[in-house]
């Protein structure tokens, strides 16, 4: 079982800030007993943004009978990337943007929700094998993924590069050629963005390629950056901003965000051709039109990431 550590001191390092993962299982997302939400830090606040949300009749009507009979959806997430998807300090409740939105989708469908915490690169095989109904884990719709998944837009994303504190190497998004840049296994940054950026920024100009260093998760990547074993980390901009806010003065995030020359929208995914796809799309659209959607994004500092159309990719 993975474990979660509380943030205690700056000397504890980034591994502490980001060690926010544990074994999967059902979670209700209730608020910690006896403490008003306003007095809780975001890592402690297990409020359920979907409380009181009613089913959307049009979405429910599209549900396959087998799903109605089961009464529950299983969502796969890699619970290691705050503020998008991680565990509260109680070491059991999934919190962040993605858990919020997954709960809202389930409520719109009138179903219970079960969380399964799994490594990012094992999510698609798990969906394809029928272990999970869908995923909401900041996954973009690449051509490779669309071969095996139906994907439905729900949020705008974006990538950035973190470098050592103060940027002693004076790096920019255009001067990463020949540098060791950490990416997480199975991420869009590893599979698509880094190779593309390396080609047009470096290789097409006769410069050394960017050396992508594949690591299991972002906490390991940032820990290696903190100890100067790599030169940078290429990851979701929201997660890097969160890590910097929780544990400042360990790294510097390059501005502006990396231009990957691609659509940065992220999508929920389920098995290609699934009979659940129409209902899930209708439920996501209902969520995008709800006040709870905007409340969740504002709470997690991502108000600018809202979209209006749950398009099927």
C-alpha atoms as a PDB file:
ATOM      1  CA  UNK A   1       0.000   0.000   0.000  1.00  0.00           C
ATOM      2  CA  UNK A   2       1.221   3.464  -0.845  1.00  0.00           C
ATOM      3  CA  UNK A   3       1.210   6.038   1.911  1.00  0.00           C
ATOM      4  CA  UNK A   4       0.568   9.764   2.337  1.00  0.00           C
ATOM      5  CA  UNK A   5       2.864  12.083   4.284  1.00  0.00           C
ATOM      6  CA  UNK A   6       1.942  15.403   5.835  1.00  0.00           C
ATOM      7  CA  UNK A   7       3.834  18.511   4.803  1.00  0.00           C
ATOM      8  CA  UNK A   8       5.893  19.422   7.835  1.00  0.00           C
ATOM      9  CA  UNK A   9       8.997  21.450   7.006  1.00  0.00           C
ATOM     10  CA  UNK A  10      10.764  22.794   3.961  1.00  0.00           C
ATOM     11  CA  UNK A  11      13.664  20.503   4.716  1.00  0.00           C
ATOM     12  CA  UNK A  12      11.405  17.508   4.256  1.00  0.00           C
ATOM     13  CA  UNK A  13      11.604  18.079   0.494  1.00  0.00           C
ATOM     14  CA  UNK A  14       9.253  17.775  -2.413  1.00  0.00           C
ATOM     15  CA  UNK A  15       8.778  14.053  -1.983  1.00  0.00           C
ATOM     16  CA  UNK A  16       6.734  14.849   1.133  1.00  0.00           C
ATOM     17  CA  UNK A  17       4.585  17.446  -0.613  1.00  0.00           C
ATOM     18  CA  UNK A  18       3.706  15.153  -3.444  1.00  0.00           C
ATOM     19  CA  UNK A  19       3.516  11.727  -1.770  1.00  0.00           C
ATOM     20  CA  UNK A  20      -0.246  11.787  -1.998  1.00  0.00           C
ATOM     21  CA  UNK A  21      -1.349   8.352  -3.113  1.00  0.00           C
ATOM     22  CA  UNK A  22      -2.841   5.202  -1.615  1.00  0.00           C
ATOM     23  CA  UNK A  23      -4.678   1.994  -2.442  1.00  0.00           C
ATOM     24  CA  UNK A  24      -7.912   2.375  -4.406  1.00  0.00           C
ATOM     25  CA  UNK A  25     -11.377   1.912  -2.993  1.00  0.00           C
ATOM     26  CA  UNK A  26     -14.712   3.539  -2.418  1.00  0.00           C
ATOM     27  CA  UNK A  27     -14.800   7.008  -0.930  1.00  0.00           C
ATOM     28  CA  UNK A  28     -17.651   9.290  -0.011  1.00  0.00           C
ATOM     29  CA  UNK A  29     -15.762  12.583   0.249  1.00  0.00           C
ATOM     30  CA  UNK A  30     -17.362  13.819   3.467  1.00  0.00           C
ATOM     31  CA  UNK A  31     -15.984  16.783   5.390  1.00  0.00           C
ATOM     32  CA  UNK A  32     -13.775  16.172   8.403  1.00  0.00           C
ATOM     33  CA  UNK A  33     -15.910  16.008  11.531  1.00  0.00           C
ATOM     34  CA  UNK A  34     -16.166  19.118  13.698  1.00  0.00           C
ATOM     35  CA  UNK A  35     -14.169  21.466  11.468  1.00  0.00           C
ATOM     36  CA  UNK A  36     -15.774  24.125   9.266  1.00  0.00           C
ATOM     37  CA  UNK A  37     -14.620  23.954   5.638  1.00  0.00           C
ATOM     38  CA  UNK A  38     -13.300  27.521   5.808  1.00  0.00           C
ATOM     39  CA  UNK A  39     -10.853  26.512   8.549  1.00  0.00           C
ATOM     40  CA  UNK A  40      -9.461  23.496   6.738  1.00  0.00           C
ATOM     41  CA  UNK A  41      -6.525  23.442   4.382  1.00  0.00           C
ATOM     42  CA  UNK A  42      -7.279  22.055   0.947  1.00  0.00           C
ATOM     43  CA  UNK A  43      -5.339  18.881   1.735  1.00  0.00           C
ATOM     44  CA  UNK A  44      -7.613  18.277   4.745  1.00  0.00           C
ATOM     45  CA  UNK A  45     -10.948  19.401   3.324  1.00  0.00           C
ATOM     46  CA  UNK A  46     -12.893  16.358   2.127  1.00  0.00           C
ATOM     47  CA  UNK A  47     -16.063  18.273   1.242  1.00  0.00           C
ATOM     48  CA  UNK A  48     -18.232  16.699  -1.442  1.00  0.00           C
ATOM     49  CA  UNK A  49     -19.018  19.273  -4.136  1.00  0.00           C
ATOM     50  CA  UNK A  50     -21.748  16.974  -5.485  1.00  0.00           C
ATOM     51  CA  UNK A  51     -23.802  16.983  -2.289  1.00  0.00           C
ATOM     52  CA  UNK A  52     -27.401  17.813  -3.129  1.00  0.00           C
ATOM     53  CA  UNK A  53     -26.926  17.518  -6.901  1.00  0.00           C
ATOM     54  CA  UNK A  54     -29.860  15.741  -8.535  1.00  0.00           C
ATOM     55  CA  UNK A  55     -29.751  13.255 -11.434  1.00  0.00           C
ATOM     56  CA  UNK A  56     -30.159  14.562 -14.958  1.00  0.00           C
ATOM     57  CA  UNK A  57     -33.167  12.694 -16.358  1.00  0.00           C
ATOM     58  CA  UNK A  58     -31.923  12.880 -19.957  1.00  0.00           C
ATOM     59  CA  UNK A  59     -28.571  11.365 -18.977  1.00  0.00           C
ATOM     60  CA  UNK A  60     -30.171   8.653 -16.829  1.00  0.00           C
ATOM     61  CA  UNK A  61     -32.449   7.682 -19.723  1.00  0.00           C
ATOM     62  CA  UNK A  62     -29.387   6.866 -21.844  1.00  0.00           C
ATOM     63  CA  UNK A  63     -27.856   4.472 -19.316  1.00  0.00           C
ATOM     64  CA  UNK A  64     -27.548   0.814 -20.373  1.00  0.00           C
ATOM     65  CA  UNK A  65     -29.809  -1.399 -18.280  1.00  0.00           C
ATOM     66  CA  UNK A  66     -26.817  -3.374 -17.015  1.00  0.00           C
ATOM     67  CA  UNK A  67     -25.331  -0.199 -15.519  1.00  0.00           C
ATOM     68  CA  UNK A  68     -28.666   0.807 -13.988  1.00  0.00           C
ATOM     69  CA  UNK A  69     -28.953  -2.632 -12.405  1.00  0.00           C
ATOM     70  CA  UNK A  70     -25.428  -2.420 -11.006  1.00  0.00           C
ATOM     71  CA  UNK A  71     -26.056   1.073  -9.626  1.00  0.00           C
ATOM     72  CA  UNK A  72     -22.380   1.982  -9.501  1.00  0.00           C
ATOM     73  CA  UNK A  73     -19.548   3.248 -11.706  1.00  0.00           C
ATOM     74  CA  UNK A  74     -15.878   2.495 -11.166  1.00  0.00           C
ATOM     75  CA  UNK A  75     -13.534   5.340 -12.051  1.00  0.00           C
ATOM     76  CA  UNK A  76      -9.782   4.824 -12.428  1.00  0.00           C
ATOM     77  CA  UNK A  77      -7.423   7.606 -11.327  1.00  0.00           C
ATOM     78  CA  UNK A  78      -3.749   8.026 -10.581  1.00  0.00           C
ATOM     79  CA  UNK A  79      -4.104   9.720  -7.194  1.00  0.00           C
ATOM     80  CA  UNK A  80      -0.666  11.333  -7.164  1.00  0.00           C
ATOM     81  CA  UNK A  81      -1.068  14.683  -8.943  1.00  0.00           C
ATOM     82  CA  UNK A  82      -2.417  17.557  -6.842  1.00  0.00           C
ATOM     83  CA  UNK A  83      -4.448  19.672  -7.387  1.00  0.00           C
ATOM     84  CA  UNK A  84      -6.015  17.532 -10.097  1.00  0.00           C
ATOM     85  CA  UNK A  85      -6.181  14.080  -8.494  1.00  0.00           C
ATOM     86  CA  UNK A  86      -4.836  13.119  -5.068  1.00  0.00           C
ATOM     87  CA  UNK A  87      -5.662  11.946  -1.556  1.00  0.00           C
ATOM     88  CA  UNK A  88      -6.609  14.066   1.424  1.00  0.00           C
ATOM     89  CA  UNK A  89      -4.546  13.878   4.584  1.00  0.00           C
ATOM     90  CA  UNK A  90      -6.945  11.251   5.915  1.00  0.00           C
ATOM     91  CA  UNK A  91      -5.155   8.902   3.487  1.00  0.00           C
ATOM     92  CA  UNK A  92      -8.424   7.575   2.067  1.00  0.00           C
ATOM     93  CA  UNK A  93     -10.523  10.309   0.429  1.00  0.00           C
ATOM     94  CA  UNK A  94      -9.799  11.246  -3.207  1.00  0.00           C
ATOM     95  CA  UNK A  95      -9.837  15.020  -3.629  1.00  0.00           C
ATOM     96  CA  UNK A  96      -8.994  17.521  -6.352  1.00  0.00           C
ATOM     97  CA  UNK A  97     -10.555  18.642  -9.602  1.00  0.00           C
ATOM     98  CA  UNK A  98     -10.955  15.187 -11.127  1.00  0.00           C
ATOM     99  CA  UNK A  99     -12.566  13.521  -8.082  1.00  0.00           C
ATOM    100  CA  UNK A 100     -14.933  16.506  -7.822  1.00  0.00           C
ATOM    101  CA  UNK A 101     -16.004  16.178 -11.447  1.00  0.00           C
ATOM    102  CA  UNK A 102     -16.251  12.387 -11.342  1.00  0.00           C
ATOM    103  CA  UNK A 103     -18.573  12.664  -8.325  1.00  0.00           C
ATOM    104  CA  UNK A 104     -20.694  15.218 -10.188  1.00  0.00           C
ATOM    105  CA  UNK A 105     -20.936  12.943 -13.231  1.00  0.00           C
ATOM    106  CA  UNK A 106     -22.030  10.008 -11.081  1.00  0.00           C
ATOM    107  CA  UNK A 107     -24.680  12.156  -9.387  1.00  0.00           C
ATOM    108  CA  UNK A 108     -25.983  13.314 -12.761  1.00  0.00           C
ATOM    109  CA  UNK A 109     -26.379   9.635 -13.673  1.00  0.00           C
ATOM    110  CA  UNK A 110     -27.984   8.732 -10.344  1.00  0.00           C
ATOM    111  CA  UNK A 111     -25.211   6.227  -9.583  1.00  0.00           C
ATOM    112  CA  UNK A 112     -22.770   5.525  -6.783  1.00  0.00           C
ATOM    113  CA  UNK A 113     -19.082   6.001  -7.509  1.00  0.00           C
ATOM    114  CA  UNK A 114     -16.156   3.766  -6.652  1.00  0.00           C
ATOM    115  CA  UNK A 115     -12.595   5.081  -6.956  1.00  0.00           C
ATOM    116  CA  UNK A 116      -9.711   2.848  -8.004  1.00  0.00           C
ATOM    117  CA  UNK A 117      -6.225   4.279  -7.541  1.00  0.00           C
ATOM    118  CA  UNK A 118      -3.919   2.962 -10.238  1.00  0.00           C
ATOM    119  CA  UNK A 119      -0.735   3.992 -12.038  1.00  0.00           C
ATOM    120  CA  UNK A 120      -1.419   6.246 -15.000  1.00  0.00           C
ATOM    121  CA  UNK A 121       0.044   3.876 -17.589  1.00  0.00           C
ATOM    122  CA  UNK A 122      -2.155   0.976 -16.413  1.00  0.00           C
ATOM    123  CA  UNK A 123      -5.471   2.841 -16.670  1.00  0.00           C
ATOM    124  CA  UNK A 124      -6.138   2.238 -20.362  1.00  0.00           C
ATOM    125  CA  UNK A 125      -5.379  -1.515 -20.192  1.00  0.00           C
ATOM    126  CA  UNK A 126      -7.679  -1.685 -17.161  1.00  0.00           C
ATOM    127  CA  UNK A 127     -10.525   0.010 -19.027  1.00  0.00           C
ATOM    128  CA  UNK A 128      -9.951  -2.169 -22.069  1.00  0.00           C
ATOM    129  CA  UNK A 129     -10.026  -5.241 -19.835  1.00  0.00           C
ATOM    130  CA  UNK A 130     -13.281  -4.219 -18.158  1.00  0.00           C
ATOM    131  CA  UNK A 131     -11.861  -3.541 -14.679  1.00  0.00           C
ATOM    132  CA  UNK A 132     -12.890   0.148 -14.750  1.00  0.00           C
ATOM    133  CA  UNK A 133     -15.883   1.883 -16.329  1.00  0.00           C
ATOM    134  CA  UNK A 134     -14.128   5.163 -17.101  1.00  0.00           C
ATOM    135  CA  UNK A 135     -11.264   7.452 -16.162  1.00  0.00           C
ATOM    136  CA  UNK A 136     -11.060  11.131 -15.236  1.00  0.00           C
ATOM    137  CA  UNK A 137      -7.355  11.648 -14.705  1.00  0.00           C
ATOM    138  CA  UNK A 138      -6.258  14.652 -16.841  1.00  0.00           C
ATOM    139  CA  UNK A 139      -5.773  12.531 -19.951  1.00  0.00           C
ATOM    140  CA  UNK A 140      -5.643  14.132 -23.394  1.00  0.00           C
ATOM    141  CA  UNK A 141      -7.100  12.535 -26.506  1.00  0.00           C
ATOM    142  CA  UNK A 142      -4.088  11.371 -28.505  1.00  0.00           C
ATOM    143  CA  UNK A 143      -4.552   9.385 -31.742  1.00  0.00           C
ATOM    144  CA  UNK A 144      -3.155   6.292 -29.994  1.00  0.00           C
ATOM    145  CA  UNK A 145      -5.622   6.546 -27.125  1.00  0.00           C
ATOM    146  CA  UNK A 146      -8.543   7.173 -29.469  1.00  0.00           C
ATOM    147  CA  UNK A 147      -7.928   3.797 -31.069  1.00  0.00           C
ATOM    148  CA  UNK A 148      -9.053   2.072 -27.858  1.00  0.00           C
ATOM    149  CA  UNK A 149     -11.071   4.723 -26.001  1.00  0.00           C
ATOM    150  CA  UNK A 150     -14.087   6.947 -26.474  1.00  0.00           C
ATOM    151  CA  UNK A 151     -12.978  10.273 -24.985  1.00  0.00           C
ATOM    152  CA  UNK A 152     -15.183  13.176 -23.889  1.00  0.00           C
ATOM    153  CA  UNK A 153     -13.821  16.684 -23.280  1.00  0.00           C
ATOM    154  CA  UNK A 154     -14.286  18.212 -19.821  1.00  0.00           C
ATOM    155  CA  UNK A 155     -11.412  20.635 -19.123  1.00  0.00           C
ATOM    156  CA  UNK A 156      -8.579  22.677 -20.634  1.00  0.00           C
ATOM    157  CA  UNK A 157      -5.083  21.564 -19.667  1.00  0.00           C
ATOM    158  CA  UNK A 158      -1.555  22.758 -20.383  1.00  0.00           C
ATOM    159  CA  UNK A 159       2.078  21.819 -19.796  1.00  0.00           C
ATOM    160  CA  UNK A 160       5.030  23.620 -18.267  1.00  0.00           C
ATOM    161  CA  UNK A 161       8.673  22.985 -17.418  1.00  0.00           C
ATOM    162  CA  UNK A 162      10.051  23.179 -13.884  1.00  0.00           C
ATOM    163  CA  UNK A 163      13.785  23.849 -13.433  1.00  0.00           C
ATOM    164  CA  UNK A 164      16.067  24.198 -10.420  1.00  0.00           C
ATOM    165  CA  UNK A 165      15.369  27.043  -8.015  1.00  0.00           C
ATOM    166  CA  UNK A 166      16.398  30.356  -9.503  1.00  0.00           C
ATOM    167  CA  UNK A 167      17.043  28.713 -12.899  1.00  0.00           C
ATOM    168  CA  UNK A 168      20.859  28.643 -12.546  1.00  0.00           C
ATOM    169  CA  UNK A 169      21.258  27.145 -16.048  1.00  0.00           C
ATOM    170  CA  UNK A 170      19.234  30.059 -17.493  1.00  0.00           C
ATOM    171  CA  UNK A 171      16.976  27.631 -19.347  1.00  0.00           C
ATOM    172  CA  UNK A 172      13.996  28.618 -21.463  1.00  0.00           C
ATOM    173  CA  UNK A 173      11.435  26.547 -23.333  1.00  0.00           C
ATOM    174  CA  UNK A 174      13.665  26.941 -26.404  1.00  0.00           C
ATOM    175  CA  UNK A 175      17.002  25.971 -24.811  1.00  0.00           C
ATOM    176  CA  UNK A 176      16.343  22.467 -23.503  1.00  0.00           C
ATOM    177  CA  UNK A 177      18.368  20.740 -26.238  1.00  0.00           C
ATOM    178  CA  UNK A 178      20.688  18.108 -24.788  1.00  0.00           C
ATOM    179  CA  UNK A 179      19.219  18.531 -21.292  1.00  0.00           C
ATOM    180  CA  UNK A 180      17.816  15.748 -19.111  1.00  0.00           C
ATOM    181  CA  UNK A 181      14.130  16.484 -18.687  1.00  0.00           C
ATOM    182  CA  UNK A 182      11.934  14.292 -16.492  1.00  0.00           C
ATOM    183  CA  UNK A 183       8.550  13.078 -17.749  1.00  0.00           C
ATOM    184  CA  UNK A 184       6.121  10.676 -16.102  1.00  0.00           C
ATOM    185  CA  UNK A 185       5.516   7.227 -17.538  1.00  0.00           C
ATOM    186  CA  UNK A 186       2.486   7.060 -19.805  1.00  0.00           C
ATOM    187  CA  UNK A 187       1.842  10.818 -19.735  1.00  0.00           C
ATOM    188  CA  UNK A 188       1.104  12.938 -22.806  1.00  0.00           C
ATOM    189  CA  UNK A 189       4.325  14.803 -22.109  1.00  0.00           C
ATOM    190  CA  UNK A 190       6.288  11.551 -22.460  1.00  0.00           C
ATOM    191  CA  UNK A 191       4.369  10.050 -25.360  1.00  0.00           C
ATOM    192  CA  UNK A 192       3.703  13.102 -27.499  1.00  0.00           C
ATOM    193  CA  UNK A 193       4.771  16.554 -26.368  1.00  0.00           C
ATOM    194  CA  UNK A 194       8.454  16.020 -25.510  1.00  0.00           C
ATOM    195  CA  UNK A 195       9.287  14.178 -28.757  1.00  0.00           C
ATOM    196  CA  UNK A 196       7.509  16.857 -30.790  1.00  0.00           C
ATOM    197  CA  UNK A 197       9.095  19.791 -28.961  1.00  0.00           C
ATOM    198  CA  UNK A 198      12.519  18.146 -29.232  1.00  0.00           C
ATOM    199  CA  UNK A 199      12.080  17.717 -32.989  1.00  0.00           C
ATOM    200  CA  UNK A 200      11.076  21.246 -33.914  1.00  0.00           C
ATOM    201  CA  UNK A 201      13.133  23.036 -31.250  1.00  0.00           C
ATOM    202  CA  UNK A 202      16.336  21.002 -31.451  1.00  0.00           C
ATOM    203  CA  UNK A 203      16.651  18.176 -33.938  1.00  0.00           C
ATOM    204  CA  UNK A 204      15.327  20.072 -36.980  1.00  0.00           C
ATOM    205  CA  UNK A 205      17.983  22.718 -36.259  1.00  0.00           C
ATOM    206  CA  UNK A 206      20.824  20.221 -35.967  1.00  0.00           C
ATOM    207  CA  UNK A 207      20.979  20.516 -32.172  1.00  0.00           C
ATOM    208  CA  UNK A 208      21.058  17.621 -29.668  1.00  0.00           C
ATOM    209  CA  UNK A 209      17.674  16.131 -28.833  1.00  0.00           C
ATOM    210  CA  UNK A 210      16.054  16.734 -25.470  1.00  0.00           C
ATOM    211  CA  UNK A 211      16.791  13.660 -23.348  1.00  0.00           C
ATOM    212  CA  UNK A 212      13.521  12.535 -21.816  1.00  0.00           C
ATOM    213  CA  UNK A 213      14.040  10.774 -18.477  1.00  0.00           C
ATOM    214  CA  UNK A 214      10.977   8.624 -17.798  1.00  0.00           C
ATOM    215  CA  UNK A 215      10.017   8.399 -14.132  1.00  0.00           C
ATOM    216  CA  UNK A 216       7.074   6.656 -12.418  1.00  0.00           C
ATOM    217  CA  UNK A 217       5.342   9.787 -11.125  1.00  0.00           C
ATOM    218  CA  UNK A 218       5.709  13.534 -10.677  1.00  0.00           C
ATOM    219  CA  UNK A 219       6.842  13.352  -7.054  1.00  0.00           C
ATOM    220  CA  UNK A 220       9.829  11.240  -8.084  1.00  0.00           C
ATOM    221  CA  UNK A 221      10.584  13.625 -10.950  1.00  0.00           C
ATOM    222  CA  UNK A 222      10.509  16.707  -8.731  1.00  0.00           C
ATOM    223  CA  UNK A 223      12.583  14.955  -6.082  1.00  0.00           C
ATOM    224  CA  UNK A 224      15.234  14.190  -8.692  1.00  0.00           C
ATOM    225  CA  UNK A 225      15.121  17.809  -9.883  1.00  0.00           C
ATOM    226  CA  UNK A 226      15.501  18.998  -6.284  1.00  0.00           C
ATOM    227  CA  UNK A 227      18.620  16.830  -5.908  1.00  0.00           C
ATOM    228  CA  UNK A 228      19.974  18.020  -9.314  1.00  0.00           C
ATOM    229  CA  UNK A 229      19.924  14.578 -10.933  1.00  0.00           C
ATOM    230  CA  UNK A 230      17.903  15.983 -13.840  1.00  0.00           C
ATOM    231  CA  UNK A 231      17.733  19.462 -15.368  1.00  0.00           C
ATOM    232  CA  UNK A 232      13.978  19.917 -15.517  1.00  0.00           C
ATOM    233  CA  UNK A 233      10.522  18.367 -15.264  1.00  0.00           C
ATOM    234  CA  UNK A 234       7.948  18.588 -18.066  1.00  0.00           C
ATOM    235  CA  UNK A 235       4.486  18.120 -16.567  1.00  0.00           C
ATOM    236  CA  UNK A 236       0.969  19.496 -16.163  1.00  0.00           C
ATOM    237  CA  UNK A 237       1.167  23.199 -15.372  1.00  0.00           C
ATOM    238  CA  UNK A 238      -1.551  22.999 -12.707  1.00  0.00           C
ATOM    239  CA  UNK A 239       0.291  20.309 -10.751  1.00  0.00           C
ATOM    240  CA  UNK A 240       3.560  22.253 -10.880  1.00  0.00           C
ATOM    241  CA  UNK A 241       1.801  25.396  -9.642  1.00  0.00           C
ATOM    242  CA  UNK A 242       0.289  23.422  -6.755  1.00  0.00           C
ATOM    243  CA  UNK A 243       3.620  21.887  -5.761  1.00  0.00           C
ATOM    244  CA  UNK A 244       5.295  25.295  -5.794  1.00  0.00           C
ATOM    245  CA  UNK A 245       2.559  26.807  -3.628  1.00  0.00           C
ATOM    246  CA  UNK A 246       2.736  23.975  -1.088  1.00  0.00           C
ATOM    247  CA  UNK A 247       6.521  23.864  -0.886  1.00  0.00           C
ATOM    248  CA  UNK A 248       7.986  27.100  -2.266  1.00  0.00           C
ATOM    249  CA  UNK A 249      11.623  27.756  -3.128  1.00  0.00           C
ATOM    250  CA  UNK A 250      12.430  24.269  -4.406  1.00  0.00           C
ATOM    251  CA  UNK A 251      12.077  24.947  -8.120  1.00  0.00           C
ATOM    252  CA  UNK A 252      11.179  27.595 -10.682  1.00  0.00           C
ATOM    253  CA  UNK A 253       8.498  27.119 -13.336  1.00  0.00           C
ATOM    254  CA  UNK A 254       9.361  28.536 -16.743  1.00  0.00           C
ATOM    255  CA  UNK A 255       6.993  31.097 -18.223  1.00  0.00           C
ATOM    256  CA  UNK A 256       5.084  31.071 -20.489  1.00  0.00           C
ATOM    257  CA  UNK A 257       3.696  27.545 -20.568  1.00  0.00           C
ATOM    258  CA  UNK A 258       5.243  25.259 -23.149  1.00  0.00           C
ATOM    259  CA  UNK A 259       3.752  25.695 -26.623  1.00  0.00           C
ATOM    260  CA  UNK A 260       3.087  22.112 -27.698  1.00  0.00           C
ATOM    261  CA  UNK A 261       1.265  23.164 -30.884  1.00  0.00           C
ATOM    262  CA  UNK A 262      -1.614  20.907 -29.943  1.00  0.00           C
ATOM    263  CA  UNK A 263      -5.064  20.892 -28.398  1.00  0.00           C
ATOM    264  CA  UNK A 264      -4.665  21.043 -24.611  1.00  0.00           C
ATOM    265  CA  UNK A 265      -8.209  19.882 -23.798  1.00  0.00           C
ATOM    266  CA  UNK A 266      -8.377  16.862 -21.508  1.00  0.00           C
ATOM    267  CA  UNK A 267     -11.045  14.195 -21.656  1.00  0.00           C
ATOM    268  CA  UNK A 268     -12.696  11.458 -19.659  1.00  0.00           C
ATOM    269  CA  UNK A 269     -12.212   8.072 -21.284  1.00  0.00           C
ATOM    270  CA  UNK A 270     -14.105   4.812 -21.516  1.00  0.00           C
ATOM    271  CA  UNK A 271     -13.850   1.721 -23.689  1.00  0.00           C
ATOM    272  CA  UNK A 272     -14.157   2.310 -27.433  1.00  0.00           C
ATOM    273  CA  UNK A 273     -17.749   1.844 -28.550  1.00  0.00           C
ATOM    274  CA  UNK A 274     -19.015   1.447 -24.987  1.00  0.00           C
ATOM    275  CA  UNK A 275     -22.823   1.521 -24.613  1.00  0.00           C
ATOM    276  CA  UNK A 276     -22.162   3.841 -21.667  1.00  0.00           C
ATOM    277  CA  UNK A 277     -20.663   6.573 -23.876  1.00  0.00           C
ATOM    278  CA  UNK A 278     -23.888   8.480 -24.750  1.00  0.00           C
ATOM    279  CA  UNK A 279     -24.998   8.620 -21.105  1.00  0.00           C
ATOM    280  CA  UNK A 280     -21.567   9.697 -19.888  1.00  0.00           C
ATOM    281  CA  UNK A 281     -21.375  12.425 -22.541  1.00  0.00           C
ATOM    282  CA  UNK A 282     -24.791  13.742 -21.552  1.00  0.00           C
ATOM    283  CA  UNK A 283     -23.847  13.701 -17.864  1.00  0.00           C
ATOM    284  CA  UNK A 284     -20.548  15.528 -18.481  1.00  0.00           C
ATOM    285  CA  UNK A 285     -22.368  18.174 -20.524  1.00  0.00           C
ATOM    286  CA  UNK A 286     -24.820  18.612 -17.651  1.00  0.00           C
ATOM    287  CA  UNK A 287     -21.877  19.030 -15.264  1.00  0.00           C
ATOM    288  CA  UNK A 288     -20.251  21.670 -17.499  1.00  0.00           C
ATOM    289  CA  UNK A 289     -23.469  23.677 -17.335  1.00  0.00           C
ATOM    290  CA  UNK A 290     -23.755  23.408 -13.552  1.00  0.00           C
ATOM    291  CA  UNK A 291     -22.646  25.944 -10.926  1.00  0.00           C
ATOM    292  CA  UNK A 292     -20.748  23.172  -9.127  1.00  0.00           C
ATOM    293  CA  UNK A 293     -18.365  22.827 -12.096  1.00  0.00           C
ATOM    294  CA  UNK A 294     -17.254  26.443 -11.817  1.00  0.00           C
ATOM    295  CA  UNK A 295     -17.139  26.243  -8.011  1.00  0.00           C
ATOM    296  CA  UNK A 296     -14.786  23.276  -8.156  1.00  0.00           C
ATOM    297  CA  UNK A 297     -12.442  24.921 -10.654  1.00  0.00           C
ATOM    298  CA  UNK A 298     -12.381  28.163  -8.678  1.00  0.00           C
ATOM    299  CA  UNK A 299     -11.689  26.307  -5.424  1.00  0.00           C
ATOM    300  CA  UNK A 300      -8.671  24.554  -6.946  1.00  0.00           C
ATOM    301  CA  UNK A 301      -7.381  27.711  -8.652  1.00  0.00           C
ATOM    302  CA  UNK A 302      -8.284  26.629 -12.187  1.00  0.00           C
ATOM    303  CA  UNK A 303     -11.162  28.932 -13.111  1.00  0.00           C
ATOM    304  CA  UNK A 304      -9.544  29.610 -16.478  1.00  0.00           C
ATOM    305  CA  UNK A 305      -9.668  25.915 -17.392  1.00  0.00           C
ATOM    306  CA  UNK A 306     -13.466  25.723 -17.858  1.00  0.00           C
ATOM    307  CA  UNK A 307     -14.938  24.617 -21.174  1.00  0.00           C
ATOM    308  CA  UNK A 308     -18.539  24.651 -22.382  1.00  0.00           C
ATOM    309  CA  UNK A 309     -18.909  21.617 -24.675  1.00  0.00           C
ATOM    310  CA  UNK A 310     -18.474  17.955 -23.725  1.00  0.00           C
ATOM    311  CA  UNK A 311     -17.522  16.900 -27.236  1.00  0.00           C
ATOM    312  CA  UNK A 312     -16.903  13.224 -27.979  1.00  0.00           C
ATOM    313  CA  UNK A 313     -13.502  12.816 -29.622  1.00  0.00           C
END
